[in-house]
Amino acid sequence: MTAVQYFWRHPLAEKVREEGREQGLEQGLEQGHIQTRREMTLRILERRAIPAPDAVRERVETCTDLDQLDTWARRAVHATDATELFTEQ
């Protein structure tokens, strides 16, 4: 009688699952960082009593570029108007 080697117990399957877990963790962390930057940018404007129109909120909340969100957060610290987040200086 021969032993049955089930695919899900095969070393290749284990490797694929581990890679998937790692990739999922990385993606989750990146999404968390993006969401944090979105919230931070809008919160800076709020704390500085600078109104953020719906168009500004939508643009910030839909951005998926972490570097861009960092730039906008830095600009929010010195902005006098929410639209200044999007102007090149």
PDB file of N, CA and C in Angstrom:
ATOM      1  N   MET A   1       0.839  -1.171   0.000  1.00  0.00           N
ATOM      2  CA  MET A   1       0.000   0.000   0.000  1.00  0.00           C
ATOM      3  C   MET A   1       0.891   1.244   0.000  1.00  0.00           C
ATOM      4  N   THR A   2       0.553   2.227  -0.849  1.00  0.00           N
ATOM      5  CA  THR A   2       1.358   3.439  -0.920  1.00  0.00           C
ATOM      6  C   THR A   2       0.661   4.569  -0.192  1.00  0.00           C
ATOM      7  N   ALA A   3       1.472   5.446   0.364  1.00  0.00           N
ATOM      8  CA  ALA A   3       0.921   6.610   1.071  1.00  0.00           C
ATOM      9  C   ALA A   3       0.400   7.619   0.053  1.00  0.00           C
ATOM     10  N   VAL A   4      -0.747   8.204   0.341  1.00  0.00           N
ATOM     11  CA  VAL A   4      -1.331   9.207  -0.532  1.00  0.00           C
ATOM     12  C   VAL A   4      -0.756  10.561  -0.129  1.00  0.00           C
ATOM     13  N   GLN A   5      -0.198  11.264  -1.083  1.00  0.00           N
ATOM     14  CA  GLN A   5       0.359  12.595  -0.819  1.00  0.00           C
ATOM     15  C   GLN A   5      -0.685  13.621  -1.252  1.00  0.00           C
ATOM     16  N   TYR A   6      -1.379  14.212  -0.323  1.00  0.00           N
ATOM     17  CA  TYR A   6      -2.380  15.215  -0.639  1.00  0.00           C
ATOM     18  C   TYR A   6      -1.694  16.516  -1.013  1.00  0.00           C
ATOM     19  N   PHE A   7      -2.235  17.177  -2.055  1.00  0.00           N
ATOM     20  CA  PHE A   7      -1.603  18.397  -2.555  1.00  0.00           C
ATOM     21  C   PHE A   7      -1.459  19.445  -1.467  1.00  0.00           C
ATOM     22  N   TRP A   8      -2.490  19.662  -0.647  1.00  0.00           N
ATOM     23  CA  TRP A   8      -2.420  20.710   0.362  1.00  0.00           C
ATOM     24  C   TRP A   8      -1.359  20.447   1.423  1.00  0.00           C
ATOM     25  N   ARG A   9      -0.842  19.240   1.468  1.00  0.00           N
ATOM     26  CA  ARG A   9       0.235  18.927   2.403  1.00  0.00           C
ATOM     27  C   ARG A   9       1.593  18.894   1.710  1.00  0.00           C
ATOM     28  N   HIS A  10       1.587  19.049   0.428  1.00  0.00           N
ATOM     29  CA  HIS A  10       2.814  19.015  -0.359  1.00  0.00           C
ATOM     30  C   HIS A  10       3.654  20.250  -0.022  1.00  0.00           C
ATOM     31  N   PRO A  11       4.982  20.116   0.020  1.00  0.00           N
ATOM     32  CA  PRO A  11       5.845  21.262   0.317  1.00  0.00           C
ATOM     33  C   PRO A  11       5.628  22.451  -0.619  1.00  0.00           C
ATOM     34  N   LEU A  12       5.340  22.197  -1.880  1.00  0.00           N
ATOM     35  CA  LEU A  12       5.075  23.291  -2.807  1.00  0.00           C
ATOM     36  C   LEU A  12       3.818  24.054  -2.399  1.00  0.00           C
ATOM     37  N   ALA A  13       2.791  23.328  -2.004  1.00  0.00           N
ATOM     38  CA  ALA A  13       1.557  23.978  -1.556  1.00  0.00           C
ATOM     39  C   ALA A  13       1.815  24.798  -0.302  1.00  0.00           C
ATOM     40  N   GLU A  14       2.601  24.278   0.611  1.00  0.00           N
ATOM     41  CA  GLU A  14       2.957  25.023   1.835  1.00  0.00           C
ATOM     42  C   GLU A  14       3.684  26.318   1.478  1.00  0.00           C
ATOM     43  N   LYS A  15       4.614  26.224   0.526  1.00  0.00           N
ATOM     44  CA  LYS A  15       5.379  27.399   0.105  1.00  0.00           C
ATOM     45  C   LYS A  15       4.450  28.450  -0.508  1.00  0.00           C
ATOM     46  N   VAL A  16       3.551  28.025  -1.372  1.00  0.00           N
ATOM     47  CA  VAL A  16       2.614  28.944  -2.022  1.00  0.00           C
ATOM     48  C   VAL A  16       1.725  29.620  -0.982  1.00  0.00           C
ATOM     49  N   ARG A  17       1.234  28.856  -0.016  1.00  0.00           N
ATOM     50  CA  ARG A  17       0.404  29.432   1.046  1.00  0.00           C
ATOM     51  C   ARG A  17       1.182  30.460   1.856  1.00  0.00           C
ATOM     52  N   GLU A  18       2.425  30.147   2.204  1.00  0.00           N
ATOM     53  CA  GLU A  18       3.242  31.077   2.992  1.00  0.00           C
ATOM     54  C   GLU A  18       3.500  32.364   2.213  1.00  0.00           C
ATOM     55  N   GLU A  19       3.806  32.233   0.921  1.00  0.00           N
ATOM     56  CA  GLU A  19       4.016  33.421   0.094  1.00  0.00           C
ATOM     57  C   GLU A  19       2.748  34.264   0.028  1.00  0.00           C
ATOM     58  N   GLY A  20       1.613  33.600  -0.065  1.00  0.00           N
ATOM     59  CA  GLY A  20       0.330  34.309  -0.094  1.00  0.00           C
ATOM     60  C   GLY A  20       0.057  35.048   1.199  1.00  0.00           C
ATOM     61  N   ARG A  21       0.376  34.407   2.320  1.00  0.00           N
ATOM     62  CA  ARG A  21       0.201  35.069   3.619  1.00  0.00           C
ATOM     63  C   ARG A  21       1.088  36.302   3.724  1.00  0.00           C
ATOM     64  N   GLU A  22       2.346  36.159   3.311  1.00  0.00           N
ATOM     65  CA  GLU A  22       3.276  37.288   3.370  1.00  0.00           C
ATOM     66  C   GLU A  22       2.814  38.432   2.478  1.00  0.00           C
ATOM     67  N   GLN A  23       2.384  38.087   1.274  1.00  0.00           N
ATOM     68  CA  GLN A  23       1.913  39.113   0.346  1.00  0.00           C
ATOM     69  C   GLN A  23       0.667  39.807   0.904  1.00  0.00           C
ATOM     70  N   GLY A  24      -0.236  39.044   1.474  1.00  0.00           N
ATOM     71  CA  GLY A  24      -1.436  39.620   2.064  1.00  0.00           C
ATOM     72  C   GLY A  24      -1.114  40.546   3.223  1.00  0.00           C
ATOM     73  N   LEU A  25      -0.153  40.159   4.031  1.00  0.00           N
ATOM     74  CA  LEU A  25       0.264  40.999   5.154  1.00  0.00           C
ATOM     75  C   LEU A  25       0.851  42.305   4.652  1.00  0.00           C
ATOM     76  N   GLU A  26       1.721  42.224   3.641  1.00  0.00           N
ATOM     77  CA  GLU A  26       2.322  43.434   3.079  1.00  0.00           C
ATOM     78  C   GLU A  26       1.262  44.360   2.502  1.00  0.00           C
ATOM     79  N   GLN A  27       0.311  43.797   1.772  1.00  0.00           N
ATOM     80  CA  GLN A  27      -0.749  44.612   1.184  1.00  0.00           C
ATOM     81  C   GLN A  27      -1.607  45.247   2.268  1.00  0.00           C
ATOM     82  N   GLY A  28      -1.892  44.494   3.311  1.00  0.00           N
ATOM     83  CA  GLY A  28      -2.684  45.021   4.413  1.00  0.00           C
ATOM     84  C   GLY A  28      -1.983  46.157   5.119  1.00  0.00           C
ATOM     85  N   LEU A  29      -0.684  46.010   5.334  1.00  0.00           N
ATOM     86  CA  LEU A  29       0.085  47.072   5.978  1.00  0.00           C
ATOM     87  C   LEU A  29       0.111  48.326   5.109  1.00  0.00           C
ATOM     88  N   GLU A  30       0.302  48.141   3.809  1.00  0.00           N
ATOM     89  CA  GLU A  30       0.335  49.289   2.904  1.00  0.00           C
ATOM     90  C   GLU A  30      -1.011  50.007   2.907  1.00  0.00           C
ATOM     91  N   GLN A  31      -2.100  49.257   2.853  1.00  0.00           N
ATOM     92  CA  GLN A  31      -3.429  49.873   2.886  1.00  0.00           C
ATOM     93  C   GLN A  31      -3.655  50.623   4.200  1.00  0.00           C
ATOM     94  N   GLY A  32      -3.151  50.059   5.288  1.00  0.00           N
ATOM     95  CA  GLY A  32      -3.270  50.730   6.578  1.00  0.00           C
ATOM     96  C   GLY A  32      -2.502  52.038   6.598  1.00  0.00           C
ATOM     97  N   HIS A  33      -1.309  52.054   6.025  1.00  0.00           N
ATOM     98  CA  HIS A  33      -0.514  53.283   5.962  1.00  0.00           C
ATOM     99  C   HIS A  33      -1.211  54.329   5.098  1.00  0.00           C
ATOM    100  N   ILE A  34      -1.768  53.890   3.994  1.00  0.00           N
ATOM    101  CA  ILE A  34      -2.468  54.819   3.106  1.00  0.00           C
ATOM    102  C   ILE A  34      -3.662  55.430   3.827  1.00  0.00           C
ATOM    103  N   GLN A  35      -4.455  54.606   4.494  1.00  0.00           N
ATOM    104  CA  GLN A  35      -5.628  55.117   5.204  1.00  0.00           C
ATOM    105  C   GLN A  35      -5.219  56.077   6.319  1.00  0.00           C
ATOM    106  N   THR A  36      -4.137  55.768   7.005  1.00  0.00           N
ATOM    107  CA  THR A  36      -3.656  56.643   8.076  1.00  0.00           C
ATOM    108  C   THR A  36      -3.252  57.997   7.510  1.00  0.00           C
ATOM    109  N   ARG A  37      -2.553  58.019   6.385  1.00  0.00           N
ATOM    110  CA  ARG A  37      -2.126  59.289   5.774  1.00  0.00           C
ATOM    111  C   ARG A  37      -3.331  60.100   5.308  1.00  0.00           C
ATOM    112  N   ARG A  38      -4.331  59.412   4.779  1.00  0.00           N
ATOM    113  CA  ARG A  38      -5.549  60.131   4.370  1.00  0.00           C
ATOM    114  C   ARG A  38      -6.170  60.839   5.565  1.00  0.00           C
ATOM    115  N   GLU A  39      -6.362  60.080   6.626  1.00  0.00           N
ATOM    116  CA  GLU A  39      -6.980  60.630   7.832  1.00  0.00           C
ATOM    117  C   GLU A  39      -6.130  61.751   8.417  1.00  0.00           C
ATOM    118  N   MET A  40      -4.814  61.560   8.443  1.00  0.00           N
ATOM    119  CA  MET A  40      -3.917  62.557   9.005  1.00  0.00           C
ATOM    120  C   MET A  40      -4.008  63.870   8.228  1.00  0.00           C
ATOM    121  N   THR A  41      -4.011  63.785   6.906  1.00  0.00           N
ATOM    122  CA  THR A  41      -4.072  64.989   6.078  1.00  0.00           C
ATOM    123  C   THR A  41      -5.344  65.774   6.363  1.00  0.00           C
ATOM    124  N   LEU A  42      -6.465  65.092   6.380  1.00  0.00           N
ATOM    125  CA  LEU A  42      -7.737  65.781   6.640  1.00  0.00           C
ATOM    126  C   LEU A  42      -7.820  66.275   8.085  1.00  0.00           C
ATOM    127  N   ARG A  43      -7.254  65.537   9.014  1.00  0.00           N
ATOM    128  CA  ARG A  43      -7.270  65.941  10.419  1.00  0.00           C
ATOM    129  C   ARG A  43      -6.421  67.196  10.645  1.00  0.00           C
ATOM    130  N   ILE A  44      -5.299  67.305   9.945  1.00  0.00           N
ATOM    131  CA  ILE A  44      -4.469  68.509  10.069  1.00  0.00           C
ATOM    132  C   ILE A  44      -5.270  69.729   9.639  1.00  0.00           C
ATOM    133  N   LEU A  45      -5.945  69.611   8.504  1.00  0.00           N
ATOM    134  CA  LEU A  45      -6.782  70.735   8.057  1.00  0.00           C
ATOM    135  C   LEU A  45      -7.858  71.062   9.080  1.00  0.00           C
ATOM    136  N   GLU A  46      -8.494  70.031   9.598  1.00  0.00           N
ATOM    137  CA  GLU A  46      -9.560  70.218  10.588  1.00  0.00           C
ATOM    138  C   GLU A  46      -9.038  70.919  11.842  1.00  0.00           C
ATOM    139  N   ARG A  47      -7.914  70.465  12.362  1.00  0.00           N
ATOM    140  CA  ARG A  47      -7.341  71.055  13.585  1.00  0.00           C
ATOM    141  C   ARG A  47      -6.908  72.497  13.373  1.00  0.00           C
ATOM    142  N   ARG A  48      -6.563  72.820  12.137  1.00  0.00           N
ATOM    143  CA  ARG A  48      -6.152  74.183  11.825  1.00  0.00           C
ATOM    144  C   ARG A  48      -7.357  75.040  11.413  1.00  0.00           C
ATOM    145  N   ALA A  49      -8.548  74.480  11.547  1.00  0.00           N
ATOM    146  CA  ALA A  49      -9.802  75.174  11.230  1.00  0.00           C
ATOM    147  C   ALA A  49      -9.860  75.613   9.764  1.00  0.00           C
ATOM    148  N   ILE A  50      -9.321  74.769   8.895  1.00  0.00           N
ATOM    149  CA  ILE A  50      -9.375  75.027   7.459  1.00  0.00           C
ATOM    150  C   ILE A  50     -10.422  74.089   6.873  1.00  0.00           C
ATOM    151  N   PRO A  51     -11.518  74.647   6.366  1.00  0.00           N
ATOM    152  CA  PRO A  51     -12.569  73.789   5.810  1.00  0.00           C
ATOM    153  C   PRO A  51     -12.071  73.018   4.589  1.00  0.00           C
ATOM    154  N   ALA A  52     -12.464  71.769   4.527  1.00  0.00           N
ATOM    155  CA  ALA A  52     -12.115  70.919   3.388  1.00  0.00           C
ATOM    156  C   ALA A  52     -13.380  70.659   2.583  1.00  0.00           C
ATOM    157  N   PRO A  53     -13.508  71.307   1.425  1.00  0.00           N
ATOM    158  CA  PRO A  53     -14.684  71.071   0.584  1.00  0.00           C
ATOM    159  C   PRO A  53     -14.775  69.602   0.160  1.00  0.00           C
ATOM    160  N   ASP A  54     -15.948  69.209  -0.272  1.00  0.00           N
ATOM    161  CA  ASP A  54     -16.168  67.821  -0.682  1.00  0.00           C
ATOM    162  C   ASP A  54     -15.175  67.373  -1.748  1.00  0.00           C
ATOM    163  N   ALA A  55     -14.851  68.245  -2.693  1.00  0.00           N
ATOM    164  CA  ALA A  55     -13.914  67.871  -3.758  1.00  0.00           C
ATOM    165  C   ALA A  55     -12.529  67.558  -3.195  1.00  0.00           C
ATOM    166  N   VAL A  56     -12.099  68.315  -2.196  1.00  0.00           N
ATOM    167  CA  VAL A  56     -10.796  68.071  -1.561  1.00  0.00           C
ATOM    168  C   VAL A  56     -10.846  66.753  -0.794  1.00  0.00           C
ATOM    169  N   ARG A  57     -11.897  66.568  -0.006  1.00  0.00           N
ATOM    170  CA  ARG A  57     -12.041  65.326   0.752  1.00  0.00           C
ATOM    171  C   ARG A  57     -12.039  64.105  -0.171  1.00  0.00           C
ATOM    172  N   GLU A  58     -12.777  64.199  -1.250  1.00  0.00           N
ATOM    173  CA  GLU A  58     -12.868  63.064  -2.177  1.00  0.00           C
ATOM    174  C   GLU A  58     -11.506  62.756  -2.790  1.00  0.00           C
ATOM    175  N   ARG A  59     -10.783  63.794  -3.168  1.00  0.00           N
ATOM    176  CA  ARG A  59      -9.473  63.568  -3.784  1.00  0.00           C
ATOM    177  C   ARG A  59      -8.507  62.917  -2.790  1.00  0.00           C
ATOM    178  N   VAL A  60      -8.518  63.377  -1.546  1.00  0.00           N
ATOM    179  CA  VAL A  60      -7.646  62.795  -0.525  1.00  0.00           C
ATOM    180  C   VAL A  60      -8.085  61.368  -0.206  1.00  0.00           C
ATOM    181  N   GLU A  61      -9.372  61.159  -0.038  1.00  0.00           N
ATOM    182  CA  GLU A  61      -9.884  59.852   0.366  1.00  0.00           C
ATOM    183  C   GLU A  61      -9.768  58.783  -0.722  1.00  0.00           C
ATOM    184  N   THR A  62      -9.600  59.184  -1.964  1.00  0.00           N
ATOM    185  CA  THR A  62      -9.472  58.199  -3.040  1.00  0.00           C
ATOM    186  C   THR A  62      -8.029  58.001  -3.497  1.00  0.00           C
ATOM    187  N   CYS A  63      -7.109  58.789  -2.959  1.00  0.00           N
ATOM    188  CA  CYS A  63      -5.704  58.670  -3.349  1.00  0.00           C
ATOM    189  C   CYS A  63      -5.121  57.371  -2.788  1.00  0.00           C
ATOM    190  N   THR A  64      -4.369  56.666  -3.610  1.00  0.00           N
ATOM    191  CA  THR A  64      -3.730  55.422  -3.180  1.00  0.00           C
ATOM    192  C   THR A  64      -2.209  55.507  -3.237  1.00  0.00           C
ATOM    193  N   ASP A  65      -1.677  56.696  -3.510  1.00  0.00           N
ATOM    194  CA  ASP A  65      -0.240  56.911  -3.619  1.00  0.00           C
ATOM    195  C   ASP A  65       0.279  57.444  -2.288  1.00  0.00           C
ATOM    196  N   LEU A  66       1.021  56.618  -1.575  1.00  0.00           N
ATOM    197  CA  LEU A  66       1.519  56.978  -0.249  1.00  0.00           C
ATOM    198  C   LEU A  66       2.413  58.205  -0.299  1.00  0.00           C
ATOM    199  N   ASP A  67       3.273  58.310  -1.302  1.00  0.00           N
ATOM    200  CA  ASP A  67       4.149  59.480  -1.420  1.00  0.00           C
ATOM    201  C   ASP A  67       3.345  60.755  -1.632  1.00  0.00           C
ATOM    202  N   GLN A  68       2.310  60.675  -2.452  1.00  0.00           N
ATOM    203  CA  GLN A  68       1.465  61.846  -2.695  1.00  0.00           C
ATOM    204  C   GLN A  68       0.749  62.272  -1.422  1.00  0.00           C
ATOM    205  N   LEU A  69       0.251  61.298  -0.677  1.00  0.00           N
ATOM    206  CA  LEU A  69      -0.427  61.612   0.582  1.00  0.00           C
ATOM    207  C   LEU A  69       0.530  62.251   1.581  1.00  0.00           C
ATOM    208  N   ASP A  70       1.768  61.791   1.624  1.00  0.00           N
ATOM    209  CA  ASP A  70       2.772  62.416   2.499  1.00  0.00           C
ATOM    210  C   ASP A  70       3.005  63.871   2.105  1.00  0.00           C
ATOM    211  N   THR A  71       3.079  64.116   0.806  1.00  0.00           N
ATOM    212  CA  THR A  71       3.266  65.484   0.314  1.00  0.00           C
ATOM    213  C   THR A  71       2.096  66.358   0.727  1.00  0.00           C
ATOM    214  N   TRP A  72       0.891  65.857   0.547  1.00  0.00           N
ATOM    215  CA  TRP A  72      -0.287  66.640   0.923  1.00  0.00           C
ATOM    216  C   TRP A  72      -0.337  66.893   2.429  1.00  0.00           C
ATOM    217  N   ALA A  73       0.062  65.921   3.221  1.00  0.00           N
ATOM    218  CA  ALA A  73       0.069  66.111   4.677  1.00  0.00           C
ATOM    219  C   ALA A  73       1.057  67.207   5.070  1.00  0.00           C
ATOM    220  N   ARG A  74       2.228  67.218   4.446  1.00  0.00           N
ATOM    221  CA  ARG A  74       3.216  68.273   4.730  1.00  0.00           C
ATOM    222  C   ARG A  74       2.670  69.637   4.317  1.00  0.00           C
ATOM    223  N   ARG A  75       2.010  69.684   3.182  1.00  0.00           N
ATOM    224  CA  ARG A  75       1.433  70.954   2.725  1.00  0.00           C
ATOM    225  C   ARG A  75       0.303  71.422   3.636  1.00  0.00           C
ATOM    226  N   ALA A  76      -0.439  70.479   4.195  1.00  0.00           N
ATOM    227  CA  ALA A  76      -1.562  70.834   5.078  1.00  0.00           C
ATOM    228  C   ALA A  76      -1.089  71.601   6.307  1.00  0.00           C
ATOM    229  N   VAL A  77       0.128  71.352   6.737  1.00  0.00           N
ATOM    230  CA  VAL A  77       0.666  72.029   7.924  1.00  0.00           C
ATOM    231  C   VAL A  77       0.788  73.526   7.697  1.00  0.00           C
ATOM    232  N   HIS A  78       1.054  73.942   6.459  1.00  0.00           N
ATOM    233  CA  HIS A  78       1.289  75.355   6.167  1.00  0.00           C
ATOM    234  C   HIS A  78       0.191  76.000   5.334  1.00  0.00           C
ATOM    235  N   ALA A  79      -0.767  75.235   4.883  1.00  0.00           N
ATOM    236  CA  ALA A  79      -1.807  75.750   3.981  1.00  0.00           C
ATOM    237  C   ALA A  79      -2.715  76.745   4.695  1.00  0.00           C
ATOM    238  N   THR A  80      -3.223  77.684   3.920  1.00  0.00           N
ATOM    239  CA  THR A  80      -4.242  78.598   4.430  1.00  0.00           C
ATOM    240  C   THR A  80      -5.599  78.278   3.807  1.00  0.00           C
ATOM    241  N   ASP A  81      -5.578  77.435   2.787  1.00  0.00           N
ATOM    242  CA  ASP A  81      -6.787  76.993   2.097  1.00  0.00           C
ATOM    243  C   ASP A  81      -6.578  75.537   1.699  1.00  0.00           C
ATOM    244  N   ALA A  82      -7.602  74.724   1.787  1.00  0.00           N
ATOM    245  CA  ALA A  82      -7.479  73.286   1.522  1.00  0.00           C
ATOM    246  C   ALA A  82      -7.013  72.976   0.104  1.00  0.00           C
ATOM    247  N   THR A  83      -7.350  73.819  -0.837  1.00  0.00           N
ATOM    248  CA  THR A  83      -6.937  73.556  -2.225  1.00  0.00           C
ATOM    249  C   THR A  83      -5.429  73.715  -2.416  1.00  0.00           C
ATOM    250  N   GLU A  84      -4.751  74.330  -1.469  1.00  0.00           N
ATOM    251  CA  GLU A  84      -3.297  74.478  -1.555  1.00  0.00           C
ATOM    252  C   GLU A  84      -2.578  73.135  -1.450  1.00  0.00           C
ATOM    253  N   LEU A  85      -3.286  72.099  -1.004  1.00  0.00           N
ATOM    254  CA  LEU A  85      -2.664  70.776  -0.953  1.00  0.00           C
ATOM    255  C   LEU A  85      -2.234  70.334  -2.338  1.00  0.00           C
ATOM    256  N   PHE A  86      -2.962  70.757  -3.344  1.00  0.00           N
ATOM    257  CA  PHE A  86      -2.778  70.242  -4.691  1.00  0.00           C
ATOM    258  C   PHE A  86      -1.966  71.162  -5.598  1.00  0.00           C
ATOM    259  N   THR A  87      -1.492  72.275  -5.092  1.00  0.00           N
ATOM    260  CA  THR A  87      -0.710  73.194  -5.914  1.00  0.00           C
ATOM    261  C   THR A  87       0.776  72.934  -5.716  1.00  0.00           C
ATOM    262  N   GLU A  88       1.508  72.978  -6.806  1.00  0.00           N
ATOM    263  CA  GLU A  88       2.960  72.817  -6.745  1.00  0.00           C
ATOM    264  C   GLU A  88       3.543  74.097  -6.171  1.00  0.00           C
ATOM    265  N   GLN A  89       4.534  73.933  -5.318  1.00  0.00           N
ATOM    266  CA  GLN A  89       5.144  75.123  -4.705  1.00  0.00           C
ATOM    267  C   GLN A  89       6.592  75.215  -5.045  1.00  0.00           C
TER     268      GLN A  89
END
